[in-house]
Amino acid sequence: MCELAKKYPNSKGLLKKALNQCARELLLAQSSDWLFIITNGTMVDYAKKRIKDHIGRFTKLYYQIKNDNIDEVFLKDISKKDCIFPDIDYMIYS
């Protein structure tokens, strides 16, 4: 995420939305709740799936950004799934 923030400062439009979503997905993947659930042995499969989903979304967006080929439909879909941190600014990683 730091790499993206440094490479694309002051982005606008679709690129900015994709970068903000990358930041969101990273935070969601890093949530301590998932590790807490896994450590305590409750709903382990669900927690592992959520981590995998968020890392997968981040990675897909990362490559779309790097290849200048952002899938707007995909971005809108994942943005609706987890609408947390609506004011996130990817530049916090710069």
C-alpha atoms as a PDB file:
ATOM      1  CA  MET A   1       0.000   0.000   0.000  1.00  0.00           C
ATOM      2  CA  CYS A   2       2.917   2.327   0.728  1.00  0.00           C
ATOM      3  CA  GLU A   3       4.235   1.653  -2.761  1.00  0.00           C
ATOM      4  CA  LEU A   4       0.910   2.606  -4.335  1.00  0.00           C
ATOM      5  CA  ALA A   5       0.526   5.761  -2.255  1.00  0.00           C
ATOM      6  CA  LYS A   6       4.002   6.949  -3.199  1.00  0.00           C
ATOM      7  CA  LYS A   7       3.606   6.081  -6.871  1.00  0.00           C
ATOM      8  CA  TYR A   8       0.178   7.710  -7.291  1.00  0.00           C
ATOM      9  CA  PRO A   9       0.053  10.868  -5.149  1.00  0.00           C
ATOM     10  CA  ASN A  10      -2.793  13.315  -5.685  1.00  0.00           C
ATOM     11  CA  SER A  11      -4.828  10.868  -7.773  1.00  0.00           C
ATOM     12  CA  LYS A  12      -8.350  11.695  -8.818  1.00  0.00           C
ATOM     13  CA  GLY A  13     -11.441   9.964 -10.129  1.00  0.00           C
ATOM     14  CA  LEU A  14     -11.510   6.207 -10.626  1.00  0.00           C
ATOM     15  CA  LEU A  15      -7.853   5.772  -9.681  1.00  0.00           C
ATOM     16  CA  LYS A  16      -8.388   7.532  -6.353  1.00  0.00           C
ATOM     17  CA  LYS A  17     -11.435   5.366  -5.656  1.00  0.00           C
ATOM     18  CA  ALA A  18      -9.418   2.234  -6.397  1.00  0.00           C
ATOM     19  CA  LEU A  19      -6.540   3.370  -4.190  1.00  0.00           C
ATOM     20  CA  ASN A  20      -8.901   4.188  -1.337  1.00  0.00           C
ATOM     21  CA  GLN A  21     -10.504   0.767  -1.720  1.00  0.00           C
ATOM     22  CA  CYS A  22      -7.072  -0.855  -1.572  1.00  0.00           C
ATOM     23  CA  ALA A  23      -6.445   0.914   1.727  1.00  0.00           C
ATOM     24  CA  ARG A  24      -9.847  -0.215   2.986  1.00  0.00           C
ATOM     25  CA  GLU A  25      -9.241  -3.849   2.001  1.00  0.00           C
ATOM     26  CA  LEU A  26      -5.858  -3.830   3.693  1.00  0.00           C
ATOM     27  CA  LEU A  27      -7.314  -2.515   6.946  1.00  0.00           C
ATOM     28  CA  LEU A  28     -10.114  -5.063   6.811  1.00  0.00           C
ATOM     29  CA  ALA A  29      -7.631  -7.910   6.226  1.00  0.00           C
ATOM     30  CA  GLN A  30      -5.527  -6.743   9.160  1.00  0.00           C
ATOM     31  CA  SER A  31      -8.420  -6.546  11.584  1.00  0.00           C
ATOM     32  CA  SER A  32      -7.467  -8.138  14.882  1.00  0.00           C
ATOM     33  CA  ASP A  33     -10.893  -9.740  15.055  1.00  0.00           C
ATOM     34  CA  TRP A  34      -9.972 -12.347  12.442  1.00  0.00           C
ATOM     35  CA  LEU A  35      -6.880 -13.490  14.340  1.00  0.00           C
ATOM     36  CA  PHE A  36      -8.793 -13.430  17.619  1.00  0.00           C
ATOM     37  CA  ILE A  37     -11.480 -15.666  16.105  1.00  0.00           C
ATOM     38  CA  ILE A  38      -8.873 -18.060  14.697  1.00  0.00           C
ATOM     39  CA  THR A  39      -6.879 -18.167  17.947  1.00  0.00           C
ATOM     40  CA  ASN A  40      -9.990 -18.922  19.987  1.00  0.00           C
ATOM     41  CA  GLY A  41     -11.167 -21.561  17.548  1.00  0.00           C
ATOM     42  CA  THR A  42     -14.556 -20.003  16.848  1.00  0.00           C
ATOM     43  CA  MET A  43     -15.710 -19.701  13.247  1.00  0.00           C
ATOM     44  CA  VAL A  44     -12.155 -20.329  12.038  1.00  0.00           C
ATOM     45  CA  ASP A  45     -13.148 -21.097   8.455  1.00  0.00           C
ATOM     46  CA  TYR A  46     -15.153 -17.872   8.221  1.00  0.00           C
ATOM     47  CA  ALA A  47     -12.285 -15.771   9.569  1.00  0.00           C
ATOM     48  CA  LYS A  48      -9.790 -17.380   7.181  1.00  0.00           C
ATOM     49  CA  LYS A  49     -12.181 -16.774   4.278  1.00  0.00           C
ATOM     50  CA  ARG A  50     -12.553 -13.106   5.174  1.00  0.00           C
ATOM     51  CA  ILE A  51      -8.788 -12.594   5.362  1.00  0.00           C
ATOM     52  CA  LYS A  52      -8.345 -14.376   2.032  1.00  0.00           C
ATOM     53  CA  ASP A  53     -11.162 -12.347   0.440  1.00  0.00           C
ATOM     54  CA  HIS A  54      -9.726  -8.988   1.520  1.00  0.00           C
ATOM     55  CA  ILE A  55      -6.168  -9.865   0.497  1.00  0.00           C
ATOM     56  CA  GLY A  56      -7.496 -11.189  -2.813  1.00  0.00           C
ATOM     57  CA  ARG A  57      -9.438  -7.993  -3.488  1.00  0.00           C
ATOM     58  CA  PHE A  58      -6.436  -5.867  -2.565  1.00  0.00           C
ATOM     59  CA  THR A  59      -4.152  -7.879  -4.838  1.00  0.00           C
ATOM     60  CA  LYS A  60      -6.561  -7.769  -7.775  1.00  0.00           C
ATOM     61  CA  LEU A  61      -6.946  -3.991  -7.441  1.00  0.00           C
ATOM     62  CA  TYR A  62      -3.186  -3.586  -6.995  1.00  0.00           C
ATOM     63  CA  TYR A  63      -2.510  -5.204 -10.361  1.00  0.00           C
ATOM     64  CA  GLN A  64      -5.365  -3.358 -12.041  1.00  0.00           C
ATOM     65  CA  ILE A  65      -3.920  -0.065 -10.815  1.00  0.00           C
ATOM     66  CA  LYS A  66      -0.379  -0.980 -11.834  1.00  0.00           C
ATOM     67  CA  ASN A  67      -1.589  -2.072 -15.293  1.00  0.00           C
ATOM     68  CA  ASP A  68      -3.792   1.018 -15.701  1.00  0.00           C
ATOM     69  CA  ASN A  69      -6.789  -1.246 -16.239  1.00  0.00           C
ATOM     70  CA  ILE A  70      -9.220  -0.704 -13.347  1.00  0.00           C
ATOM     71  CA  ASP A  71     -12.405  -2.761 -13.611  1.00  0.00           C
ATOM     72  CA  GLU A  72     -15.026  -0.223 -12.549  1.00  0.00           C
ATOM     73  CA  VAL A  73     -17.741  -2.855 -12.091  1.00  0.00           C
ATOM     74  CA  PHE A  74     -15.492  -4.917  -9.803  1.00  0.00           C
ATOM     75  CA  LEU A  75     -14.530  -1.798  -7.845  1.00  0.00           C
ATOM     76  CA  LYS A  76     -18.158  -0.748  -7.347  1.00  0.00           C
ATOM     77  CA  ASP A  77     -19.112  -4.271  -6.288  1.00  0.00           C
ATOM     78  CA  ILE A  78     -16.446  -4.627  -3.619  1.00  0.00           C
ATOM     79  CA  SER A  79     -16.968  -1.061  -2.436  1.00  0.00           C
ATOM     80  CA  LYS A  80     -20.594  -1.933  -1.662  1.00  0.00           C
ATOM     81  CA  LYS A  81     -19.729  -5.167   0.183  1.00  0.00           C
ATOM     82  CA  ASP A  82     -17.818  -3.501   2.985  1.00  0.00           C
ATOM     83  CA  CYS A  83     -18.747   0.174   3.210  1.00  0.00           C
ATOM     84  CA  ILE A  84     -16.564   0.866   6.213  1.00  0.00           C
ATOM     85  CA  PHE A  85     -14.243   3.882   6.433  1.00  0.00           C
ATOM     86  CA  PRO A  86     -16.065   6.016   3.832  1.00  0.00           C
ATOM     87  CA  ASP A  87     -13.612   8.903   4.258  1.00  0.00           C
ATOM     88  CA  ILE A  88     -10.423   6.852   4.083  1.00  0.00           C
ATOM     89  CA  ASP A  89      -7.522   8.537   2.288  1.00  0.00           C
ATOM     90  CA  TYR A  90      -4.962   6.191   0.774  1.00  0.00           C
ATOM     91  CA  MET A  91      -2.305   8.878   1.218  1.00  0.00           C
ATOM     92  CA  ILE A  92      -2.010   7.947   4.898  1.00  0.00           C
ATOM     93  CA  TYR A  93       0.323   5.249   3.569  1.00  0.00           C
ATOM     94  CA  SER A  94       2.690   7.709   1.875  1.00  0.00           C
END
